[in-house]
C-alpha atoms as a PDB file:
ATOM      1  CA  MET A   1     105.131  95.655  73.033  1.00  0.00           C
ATOM      2  CA  ALA A   2     108.157  97.165  71.035  1.00  0.00           C
ATOM      3  CA  SER A   3     110.790  94.715  70.239  1.00  0.00           C
ATOM      4  CA  VAL A   4     114.032  94.261  68.411  1.00  0.00           C
ATOM      5  CA  VAL A   5     115.516  91.193  66.999  1.00  0.00           C
ATOM      6  CA  LEU A   6     119.224  90.354  67.905  1.00  0.00           C
ATOM      7  CA  SER A   7     121.537  87.591  66.762  1.00  0.00           C
ATOM      8  CA  GLU A   8     122.693  85.003  69.199  1.00  0.00           C
ATOM      9  CA  ALA A   9     126.180  86.656  69.540  1.00  0.00           C
ATOM     10  CA  GLU A  10     124.614  90.098  70.252  1.00  0.00           C
ATOM     11  CA  LYS A  11     122.590  88.271  73.038  1.00  0.00           C
ATOM     12  CA  LEU A  12     125.642  86.668  74.393  1.00  0.00           C
ATOM     13  CA  TYR A  13     127.642  89.707  74.408  1.00  0.00           C
ATOM     14  CA  ILE A  14     124.724  91.664  76.610  1.00  0.00           C
ATOM     15  CA  VAL A  15     123.985  88.552  78.816  1.00  0.00           C
ATOM     16  CA  HIS A  16     127.897  88.301  79.600  1.00  0.00           C
ATOM     17  CA  GLY A  17     128.052  92.020  80.232  1.00  0.00           C
ATOM     18  CA  VAL A  18     125.455  91.775  82.741  1.00  0.00           C
ATOM     19  CA  GLN A  19     127.088  89.014  84.634  1.00  0.00           C
ATOM     20  CA  GLU A  20     130.092  91.284  84.978  1.00  0.00           C
ATOM     21  CA  ASP A  21     127.690  94.191  86.133  1.00  0.00           C
ATOM     22  CA  LEU A  22     128.805  96.170  82.895  1.00  0.00           C
ATOM     23  CA  ARG A  23     125.912  97.068  80.476  1.00  0.00           C
ATOM     24  CA  VAL A  24     126.546  97.825  77.053  1.00  0.00           C
ATOM     25  CA  ASP A  25     125.718 101.635  77.626  1.00  0.00           C
ATOM     26  CA  GLY A  26     128.182 101.503  80.392  1.00  0.00           C
ATOM     27  CA  ARG A  27     125.821 101.295  83.319  1.00  0.00           C
ATOM     28  CA  GLY A  28     125.690  98.913  86.271  1.00  0.00           C
ATOM     29  CA  CYS A  29     123.014  96.550  86.880  1.00  0.00           C
ATOM     30  CA  GLU A  30     121.152  99.064  89.441  1.00  0.00           C
ATOM     31  CA  ASP A  31     121.559 102.284  87.355  1.00  0.00           C
ATOM     32  CA  TYR A  32     118.796 104.292  85.641  1.00  0.00           C
ATOM     33  CA  ARG A  33     119.442 106.107  82.283  1.00  0.00           C
ATOM     34  CA  CYS A  34     119.033 109.882  82.680  1.00  0.00           C
ATOM     35  CA  ALA A  35     115.422 110.905  82.290  1.00  0.00           C
ATOM     36  CA  GLU A  36     114.153 114.501  81.301  1.00  0.00           C
ATOM     37  CA  VAL A  37     110.996 115.522  83.424  1.00  0.00           C
ATOM     38  CA  GLU A  38     108.893 118.431  82.743  1.00  0.00           C
ATOM     39  CA  THR A  39     105.355 119.436  84.316  1.00  0.00           C
ATOM     40  CA  ASP A  40     102.703 121.813  83.357  1.00  0.00           C
ATOM     41  CA  VAL A  41     103.237 121.017  79.462  1.00  0.00           C
ATOM     42  CA  VAL A  42      99.535 120.797  78.430  1.00  0.00           C
ATOM     43  CA  SER A  43      97.581 124.089  78.915  1.00  0.00           C
ATOM     44  CA  ASN A  44      94.116 122.696  79.045  1.00  0.00           C
ATOM     45  CA  THR A  45      94.493 120.334  81.814  1.00  0.00           C
ATOM     46  CA  SER A  46      94.576 120.550  85.756  1.00  0.00           C
ATOM     47  CA  GLY A  47      98.144 118.981  85.644  1.00  0.00           C
ATOM     48  CA  SER A  48     100.402 117.460  83.233  1.00  0.00           C
ATOM     49  CA  ALA A  49     103.916 116.216  82.594  1.00  0.00           C
ATOM     50  CA  ARG A  50     106.122 114.960  79.973  1.00  0.00           C
ATOM     51  CA  VAL A  51     109.042 112.283  80.716  1.00  0.00           C
ATOM     52  CA  LYS A  52     111.654 111.240  78.149  1.00  0.00           C
ATOM     53  CA  LEU A  53     113.755 108.397  78.869  1.00  0.00           C
ATOM     54  CA  VAL A  54     116.186 108.274  76.215  1.00  0.00           C
ATOM     55  CA  ASP A  55     114.012 106.700  73.419  1.00  0.00           C
ATOM     56  CA  THR A  56     110.810 106.359  75.800  1.00  0.00           C
ATOM     57  CA  ASP A  57     108.455 109.224  75.432  1.00  0.00           C
ATOM     58  CA  VAL A  58     105.310 109.574  77.689  1.00  0.00           C
ATOM     59  CA  LEU A  59     102.914 112.504  77.904  1.00  0.00           C
ATOM     60  CA  VAL A  60     100.453 112.539  81.043  1.00  0.00           C
ATOM     61  CA  GLY A  61      97.435 114.953  81.196  1.00  0.00           C
ATOM     62  CA  ILE A  62      95.006 114.813  84.013  1.00  0.00           C
ATOM     63  CA  LYS A  63      91.535 116.490  84.185  1.00  0.00           C
ATOM     64  CA  ALA A  64      89.715 116.989  86.985  1.00  0.00           C
ATOM     65  CA  GLU A  65      85.863 116.869  86.654  1.00  0.00           C
ATOM     66  CA  MET A  66      82.792 116.905  89.053  1.00  0.00           C
ATOM     67  CA  GLY A  67      81.187 113.443  89.442  1.00  0.00           C
ATOM     68  CA  THR A  68      79.280 111.350  91.665  1.00  0.00           C
ATOM     69  CA  PRO A  69      80.931 109.340  94.369  1.00  0.00           C
ATOM     70  CA  LYS A  70      80.901 105.554  94.071  1.00  0.00           C
ATOM     71  CA  LEU A  71      78.489 103.561  96.013  1.00  0.00           C
ATOM     72  CA  GLU A  72      80.864 101.692  98.172  1.00  0.00           C
ATOM     73  CA  LYS A  73      82.803 104.796  98.832  1.00  0.00           C
ATOM     74  CA  PRO A  74      80.557 107.560  99.280  1.00  0.00           C
ATOM     75  CA  ASP A  75      82.856 109.963 101.073  1.00  0.00           C
ATOM     76  CA  GLU A  76      85.881 109.488  98.327  1.00  0.00           C
ATOM     77  CA  GLY A  77      86.690 110.926  94.764  1.00  0.00           C
ATOM     78  CA  TYR A  78      88.445 108.651  92.204  1.00  0.00           C
ATOM     79  CA  LEU A  79      91.031 108.171  89.435  1.00  0.00           C
ATOM     80  CA  GLU A  80      90.129 106.919  85.820  1.00  0.00           C
ATOM     81  CA  PHE A  81      93.011 105.818  83.804  1.00  0.00           C
ATOM     82  CA  PHE A  82      92.935 106.159  80.036  1.00  0.00           C
ATOM     83  CA  VAL A  83      95.866 104.820  78.025  1.00  0.00           C
ATOM     84  CA  ASP A  84      96.760 105.566  74.168  1.00  0.00           C
ATOM     85  CA  CYS A  85      99.571 103.911  72.803  1.00  0.00           C
ATOM     86  CA  SER A  86     100.464 105.865  69.544  1.00  0.00           C
ATOM     87  CA  SER A  87     101.183 103.754  66.273  1.00  0.00           C
ATOM     88  CA  ASN A  88     104.213 106.372  65.799  1.00  0.00           C
ATOM     89  CA  ALA A  89     105.698 104.961  68.934  1.00  0.00           C
ATOM     90  CA  THR A  90     106.531 101.619  67.305  1.00  0.00           C
ATOM     91  CA  PRO A  91     105.011  99.814  64.204  1.00  0.00           C
ATOM     92  CA  GLU A  92     103.936  96.975  66.489  1.00  0.00           C
ATOM     93  CA  LEU A  93     101.580  99.310  68.295  1.00  0.00           C
ATOM     94  CA  GLU A  94      99.359  99.452  64.923  1.00  0.00           C
ATOM     95  CA  GLY A  95      95.744  98.319  65.336  1.00  0.00           C
ATOM     96  CA  ARG A  96      94.983  95.748  67.947  1.00  0.00           C
ATOM     97  CA  GLY A  97      98.687  95.727  69.515  1.00  0.00           C
ATOM     98  CA  GLY A  98      98.362  99.246  70.696  1.00  0.00           C
ATOM     99  CA  GLU A  99      95.004  98.620  72.144  1.00  0.00           C
ATOM    100  CA  GLU A 100      96.245  95.376  73.845  1.00  0.00           C
ATOM    101  CA  LEU A 101      99.153  97.168  75.487  1.00  0.00           C
ATOM    102  CA  GLY A 102      96.969 100.380  76.407  1.00  0.00           C
ATOM    103  CA  THR A 103      94.541  98.159  78.301  1.00  0.00           C
ATOM    104  CA  ASP A 104      97.367  96.191  80.205  1.00  0.00           C
ATOM    105  CA  ILE A 105      99.150  99.450  81.247  1.00  0.00           C
ATOM    106  CA  ALA A 106      95.713 100.787  82.419  1.00  0.00           C
ATOM    107  CA  ASN A 107      95.056  97.723  84.468  1.00  0.00           C
ATOM    108  CA  THR A 108      98.319  98.108  85.838  1.00  0.00           C
ATOM    109  CA  LEU A 109      97.998 101.461  87.099  1.00  0.00           C
ATOM    110  CA  TYR A 110      94.456 100.559  88.321  1.00  0.00           C
ATOM    111  CA  ARG A 111      96.304  98.009  90.403  1.00  0.00           C
ATOM    112  CA  VAL A 112      99.059 100.439  91.536  1.00  0.00           C
ATOM    113  CA  PHE A 113      96.664 102.796  92.732  1.00  0.00           C
ATOM    114  CA  SER A 114      94.405 100.538  94.500  1.00  0.00           C
ATOM    115  CA  CYS A 115      96.614 100.707  97.604  1.00  0.00           C
ATOM    116  CA  GLU A 116      94.355 102.741 100.316  1.00  0.00           C
ATOM    117  CA  ASN A 117      97.021 105.552 100.792  1.00  0.00           C
ATOM    118  CA  SER A 118      98.349 106.213  97.413  1.00  0.00           C
ATOM    119  CA  VAL A 119      96.230 109.320  96.887  1.00  0.00           C
ATOM    120  CA  ASP A 120      94.359 110.817  99.582  1.00  0.00           C
ATOM    121  CA  LEU A 121      90.739 110.386  97.842  1.00  0.00           C
ATOM    122  CA  LYS A 122      88.753 111.795 100.765  1.00  0.00           C
ATOM    123  CA  SER A 123      90.184 115.105 100.039  1.00  0.00           C
ATOM    124  CA  LEU A 124      88.500 114.839  96.576  1.00  0.00           C
ATOM    125  CA  CYS A 125      84.928 114.544  98.163  1.00  0.00           C
ATOM    126  CA  ILE A 126      82.765 117.729  97.868  1.00  0.00           C
ATOM    127  CA  ASN A 127      79.488 116.441  99.292  1.00  0.00           C
ATOM    128  CA  PRO A 128      79.564 112.747 100.522  1.00  0.00           C
ATOM    129  CA  ARG A 129      76.914 110.793  98.324  1.00  0.00           C
ATOM    130  CA  GLU A 130      76.533 113.719  95.784  1.00  0.00           C
ATOM    131  CA  HIS A 131      79.636 115.459  94.568  1.00  0.00           C
ATOM    132  CA  CYS A 132      83.186 114.608  94.308  1.00  0.00           C
ATOM    133  CA  TRP A 133      86.124 115.463  92.151  1.00  0.00           C
ATOM    134  CA  VAL A 134      86.961 112.588  89.712  1.00  0.00           C
ATOM    135  CA  LEU A 135      90.543 112.692  88.105  1.00  0.00           C
ATOM    136  CA  TYR A 136      90.806 111.467  84.640  1.00  0.00           C
ATOM    137  CA  VAL A 137      94.484 110.670  84.118  1.00  0.00           C
ATOM    138  CA  ASP A 138      95.221 110.397  80.181  1.00  0.00           C
ATOM    139  CA  VAL A 139      98.432 108.548  79.469  1.00  0.00           C
ATOM    140  CA  LEU A 140     100.088 109.335  76.017  1.00  0.00           C
ATOM    141  CA  LEU A 141     103.102 106.743  74.958  1.00  0.00           C
ATOM    142  CA  LEU A 142     104.621 109.002  72.118  1.00  0.00           C
ATOM    143  CA  GLU A 143     107.650 106.686  71.663  1.00  0.00           C
ATOM    144  CA  CYS A 144     108.537 103.117  72.884  1.00  0.00           C
ATOM    145  CA  GLY A 145     112.290 102.638  73.773  1.00  0.00           C
ATOM    146  CA  GLY A 146     112.272 100.320  76.516  1.00  0.00           C
ATOM    147  CA  ASN A 147     111.031 100.279  80.239  1.00  0.00           C
ATOM    148  CA  ILE A 148     107.651 101.860  79.435  1.00  0.00           C
ATOM    149  CA  PHE A 149     106.224 101.174  82.694  1.00  0.00           C
ATOM    150  CA  ASP A 150     108.619 102.839  84.708  1.00  0.00           C
ATOM    151  CA  ALA A 151     108.525 106.081  82.566  1.00  0.00           C
ATOM    152  CA  ILE A 152     104.779 105.978  82.688  1.00  0.00           C
ATOM    153  CA  SER A 153     104.552 105.805  86.656  1.00  0.00           C
ATOM    154  CA  ILE A 154     107.145 108.632  86.722  1.00  0.00           C
ATOM    155  CA  ALA A 155     105.036 110.748  84.366  1.00  0.00           C
ATOM    156  CA  VAL A 156     101.638 109.894  86.330  1.00  0.00           C
ATOM    157  CA  LYS A 157     103.352 110.908  89.649  1.00  0.00           C
ATOM    158  CA  ALA A 158     104.758 114.057  88.446  1.00  0.00           C
ATOM    159  CA  ALA A 159     101.499 115.215  86.664  1.00  0.00           C
ATOM    160  CA  LEU A 160      99.586 114.537  89.996  1.00  0.00           C
ATOM    161  CA  PHE A 161     102.280 116.801  91.794  1.00  0.00           C
ATOM    162  CA  ASN A 162     101.306 119.409  89.229  1.00  0.00           C
ATOM    163  CA  THR A 163      97.575 119.018  89.386  1.00  0.00           C
ATOM    164  CA  ARG A 164      95.358 121.964  90.931  1.00  0.00           C
ATOM    165  CA  ILE A 165      91.859 121.541  91.731  1.00  0.00           C
ATOM    166  CA  PRO A 166      89.806 124.537  92.284  1.00  0.00           C
ATOM    167  CA  LYS A 167      88.299 125.008  95.812  1.00  0.00           C
ATOM    168  CA  VAL A 168      84.721 124.418  96.068  1.00  0.00           C
ATOM    169  CA  HIS A 169      82.116 126.129  98.458  1.00  0.00           C
ATOM    170  CA  VAL A 170      78.897 124.540  98.928  1.00  0.00           C
ATOM    171  CA  LEU A 171      76.011 127.087  99.685  1.00  0.00           C
ATOM    172  CA  GLU A 172      72.796 125.782 101.040  1.00  0.00           C
ATOM    173  CA  ASP A 173      69.480 128.073 101.119  1.00  0.00           C
ATOM    174  CA  GLU A 174      66.815 128.069 103.354  1.00  0.00           C
ATOM    175  CA  GLU A 175      64.821 125.197 101.492  1.00  0.00           C
ATOM    176  CA  GLY A 176      67.998 122.993 101.734  1.00  0.00           C
ATOM    177  CA  THR A 177      68.996 123.356  98.077  1.00  0.00           C
ATOM    178  CA  LYS A 178      72.654 123.232  97.505  1.00  0.00           C
ATOM    179  CA  GLU A 179      74.452 125.101  95.391  1.00  0.00           C
ATOM    180  CA  ILE A 180      78.104 124.672  94.612  1.00  0.00           C
ATOM    181  CA  GLU A 181      80.506 127.623  93.726  1.00  0.00           C
ATOM    182  CA  LEU A 182      84.079 127.299  92.146  1.00  0.00           C
ATOM    183  CA  SER A 183      86.728 129.414  93.142  1.00  0.00           C
ATOM    184  CA  ASP A 184      87.944 131.313  89.953  1.00  0.00           C
ATOM    185  CA  ASP A 185      91.190 132.277  91.893  1.00  0.00           C
ATOM    186  CA  PRO A 186      93.917 130.098  90.628  1.00  0.00           C
ATOM    187  CA  TYR A 187      95.880 129.990  93.542  1.00  0.00           C
ATOM    188  CA  ASP A 188      92.796 129.257  95.673  1.00  0.00           C
ATOM    189  CA  CYS A 189      93.062 125.394  94.956  1.00  0.00           C
ATOM    190  CA  ILE A 190      93.619 122.097  96.240  1.00  0.00           C
ATOM    191  CA  ARG A 191      97.076 120.325  95.804  1.00  0.00           C
ATOM    192  CA  LEU A 192      97.417 116.517  96.137  1.00  0.00           C
ATOM    193  CA  ASN A 193     100.020 115.106  98.535  1.00  0.00           C
ATOM    194  CA  VAL A 194     101.875 112.698  96.315  1.00  0.00           C
ATOM    195  CA  GLU A 195     104.349 111.411  98.952  1.00  0.00           C
ATOM    196  CA  GLU A 196     102.645 107.925  98.983  1.00  0.00           C
ATOM    197  CA  VAL A 197     102.093 107.649  95.159  1.00  0.00           C
ATOM    198  CA  PRO A 198     104.211 104.590  94.136  1.00  0.00           C
ATOM    199  CA  CYS A 199     106.733 104.385  91.389  1.00  0.00           C
ATOM    200  CA  ILE A 200     107.036 101.293  89.083  1.00  0.00           C
ATOM    201  CA  VAL A 201     110.438  99.629  89.255  1.00  0.00           C
ATOM    202  CA  THR A 202     110.726  96.930  86.329  1.00  0.00           C
ATOM    203  CA  LEU A 203     113.639  94.388  87.101  1.00  0.00           C
ATOM    204  CA  SER A 204     114.294  92.133  84.092  1.00  0.00           C
ATOM    205  CA  LYS A 205     116.192  88.850  84.601  1.00  0.00           C
ATOM    206  CA  ILE A 206     118.912  88.447  82.248  1.00  0.00           C
ATOM    207  CA  GLY A 207     120.997  85.193  82.754  1.00  0.00           C
ATOM    208  CA  TYR A 208     121.642  84.885  86.526  1.00  0.00           C
ATOM    209  CA  ARG A 209     121.248  88.480  87.506  1.00  0.00           C
ATOM    210  CA  HIS A 210     118.690  91.148  86.832  1.00  0.00           C
ATOM    211  CA  VAL A 211     118.912  94.745  85.909  1.00  0.00           C
ATOM    212  CA  VAL A 212     116.526  97.790  86.201  1.00  0.00           C
ATOM    213  CA  ASP A 213     115.739 100.367  83.454  1.00  0.00           C
ATOM    214  CA  ALA A 214     116.301  97.700  80.535  1.00  0.00           C
ATOM    215  CA  THR A 215     116.896  98.762  77.132  1.00  0.00           C
ATOM    216  CA  LEU A 216     114.938  97.385  74.206  1.00  0.00           C
ATOM    217  CA  GLN A 217     118.052  95.199  73.381  1.00  0.00           C
ATOM    218  CA  GLU A 218     117.942  94.114  76.929  1.00  0.00           C
ATOM    219  CA  GLU A 219     114.476  93.269  77.045  1.00  0.00           C
ATOM    220  CA  ALA A 220     114.963  90.929  74.049  1.00  0.00           C
ATOM    221  CA  CYS A 221     117.545  89.051  76.184  1.00  0.00           C
ATOM    222  CA  SER A 222     115.038  88.719  79.139  1.00  0.00           C
ATOM    223  CA  LEU A 223     112.470  86.007  79.477  1.00  0.00           C
ATOM    224  CA  ALA A 224     111.062  87.149  82.606  1.00  0.00           C
ATOM    225  CA  SER A 225     110.592  90.464  84.356  1.00  0.00           C
ATOM    226  CA  LEU A 226     109.160  91.741  87.610  1.00  0.00           C
ATOM    227  CA  LEU A 227     106.930  94.981  87.963  1.00  0.00           C
ATOM    228  CA  ILE A 228     107.492  96.252  91.502  1.00  0.00           C
ATOM    229  CA  SER A 229     105.381  99.334  92.796  1.00  0.00           C
ATOM    230  CA  VAL A 230     107.503 101.034  95.491  1.00  0.00           C
ATOM    231  CA  THR A 231     106.466 104.234  97.882  1.00  0.00           C
ATOM    232  CA  SER A 232     109.169 107.020  98.371  1.00  0.00           C
ATOM    233  CA  LYS A 233     109.695 104.947 101.860  1.00  0.00           C
ATOM    234  CA  GLY A 234     110.454 101.698 100.167  1.00  0.00           C
ATOM    235  CA  ALA A 235     107.136 100.010 100.949  1.00  0.00           C
ATOM    236  CA  LEU A 236     106.211  97.450  98.176  1.00  0.00           C
ATOM    237  CA  THR A 237     102.456  98.063  97.304  1.00  0.00           C
ATOM    238  CA  SER A 238     102.062  95.573  94.329  1.00  0.00           C
ATOM    239  CA  MET A 239     104.033  93.141  92.350  1.00  0.00           C
ATOM    240  CA  LYS A 240     103.345  91.501  88.758  1.00  0.00           C
ATOM    241  CA  LYS A 241     105.565  89.168  86.639  1.00  0.00           C
ATOM    242  CA  VAL A 242     105.615  89.712  82.866  1.00  0.00           C
ATOM    243  CA  GLY A 243     107.145  87.508  80.035  1.00  0.00           C
ATOM    244  CA  LYS A 244     107.116  83.755  79.255  1.00  0.00           C
ATOM    245  CA  GLY A 245     109.886  82.529  81.446  1.00  0.00           C
ATOM    246  CA  SER A 246     109.906  81.629  85.074  1.00  0.00           C
ATOM    247  CA  LEU A 247     111.456  83.097  88.009  1.00  0.00           C
ATOM    248  CA  ASP A 248     112.579  80.956  91.176  1.00  0.00           C
ATOM    249  CA  PRO A 249     111.875  82.374  94.689  1.00  0.00           C
ATOM    250  CA  GLU A 250     115.231  83.170  95.502  1.00  0.00           C
ATOM    251  CA  SER A 251     115.406  85.455  92.394  1.00  0.00           C
ATOM    252  CA  ILE A 252     112.036  87.059  93.255  1.00  0.00           C
ATOM    253  CA  PHE A 253     113.200  87.723  96.802  1.00  0.00           C
ATOM    254  CA  GLU A 254     116.487  89.509  95.303  1.00  0.00           C
ATOM    255  CA  MET A 255     114.755  91.523  92.886  1.00  0.00           C
ATOM    256  CA  MET A 256     112.086  92.516  95.231  1.00  0.00           C
ATOM    257  CA  GLU A 257     115.011  93.728  97.545  1.00  0.00           C
ATOM    258  CA  THR A 258     116.500  95.564  94.508  1.00  0.00           C
ATOM    259  CA  GLY A 259     113.384  97.239  93.744  1.00  0.00           C
ATOM    260  CA  GLN A 260     112.689  98.861  97.168  1.00  0.00           C
ATOM    261  CA  ARG A 261     116.225 100.099  97.039  1.00  0.00           C
ATOM    262  CA  VAL A 262     116.296 101.648  93.662  1.00  0.00           C
ATOM    263  CA  GLY A 263     112.609 102.673  93.995  1.00  0.00           C
ATOM    264  CA  LYS A 264     113.824 104.826  97.256  1.00  0.00           C
ATOM    265  CA  SER A 265     116.465 106.604  95.181  1.00  0.00           C
ATOM    266  CA  LEU A 266     114.308 107.151  92.019  1.00  0.00           C
ATOM    267  CA  HIS A 267     111.726 108.697  94.367  1.00  0.00           C
ATOM    268  CA  THR A 268     114.084 111.005  95.782  1.00  0.00           C
ATOM    269  CA  ALA A 269     115.479 112.072  92.558  1.00  0.00           C
ATOM    270  CA  LEU A 270     112.000 112.838  91.205  1.00  0.00           C
ATOM    271  CA  GLN A 271     110.858 114.799  94.108  1.00  0.00           C
ATOM    272  CA  LYS A 272     114.212 116.827  93.926  1.00  0.00           C
ATOM    273  CA  ILE A 273     113.526 117.710  90.149  1.00  0.00           C
ATOM    274  CA  LEU A 274     109.729 118.568  90.988  1.00  0.00           C
ATOM    275  CA  ASP A 275     110.608 120.868  93.780  1.00  0.00           C
ATOM    276  CA  GLU A 276     113.135 122.609  92.014  1.00  0.00           C
ATOM    277  CA  GLU A 277     111.034 123.265  88.817  1.00  0.00           C
ATOM    278  CA  GLU A 278     108.295 124.557  91.344  1.00  0.00           C
ATOM    279  CA  SER A 279     110.505 127.080  93.009  1.00  0.00           C
ATOM    280  CA  LEU A 280     111.408 128.882  89.662  1.00  0.00           C
ATOM    281  CA  GLY A 281     107.687 129.640  89.291  1.00  0.00           C
ATOM    282  CA  THR A 282     106.647 131.429  86.172  1.00  0.00           C
ATOM    283  CA  SER A 283     110.177 132.215  85.362  1.00  0.00           C
ATOM    284  CA  ARG A 284     111.114 128.439  84.399  1.00  0.00           C
ATOM    285  CA  PRO A 285     112.004 128.223  80.976  1.00  0.00           C
ATOM    286  CA  LYS A 286     109.496 125.641  79.096  1.00  0.00           C
ATOM    287  CA  VAL A 287     110.832 123.215  76.560  1.00  0.00           C
ATOM    288  CA  GLY A 288     107.533 121.528  75.649  1.00  0.00           C
ATOM    289  CA  PHE A 289     107.659 119.645  72.391  1.00  0.00           C
ATOM    290  CA  LEU A 290     110.015 122.124  70.842  1.00  0.00           C
ATOM    291  CA  GLY A 291     113.035 120.892  73.053  1.00  0.00           C
END
């Protein structure tokens, strides 16, 4: 994880500001920074999105490929997560540092999406026990400027919203041999319902209070954080503590309440952006990597 070295005076300044609900960049404790979200940025994928949260830059590409359902869930498709932390994101991610962080992020995403209703996996089944769609979710961390888990979860939800899976027709001959035919009409596709897809809200404890969307400098002042995954309706689906410090039960309860409240607002804002972008259709100007 990227980190910065602060003097004791700088830490004290940040901590005192947080206690007064006034952060260094002028935000309150429950305010997010402005995020840039763009979908359909990678041409050879089923869905993609890029999220820029000031100095944190994340790219997610999703590829739908045909596979075999898992034995324990014969009538469902499934998701596979791969995370690549570019060594250009921060020098600390070179070598094993990047691998460890990538594994940690992938495991967190598996935990977040293990909630039964997050994605309708039954809609990804083509033939029970025989064929299903497997969604390979590739996450690339391009730049690390604090609050990476939230940015990644926003990008994953946006990419799932953008995903289009070809419709499949199963043809069976007289001998019972099944043949699969993919529709080549780009508009004849399956869209995923992302209403229940959670977003991660990271709450960092600084002094006696907690903040959302911490900067690298604020992360350096926090000994413990709580990662909470929240649905658009404010339901909590998973929780994970990170950092070496401890959290008392009262703080955890307060952080959970904040996470639910902020999470609902985050979902509303993200869905508004996604709907607006989609309503523009092909006339939408694409920024991509040149913006």
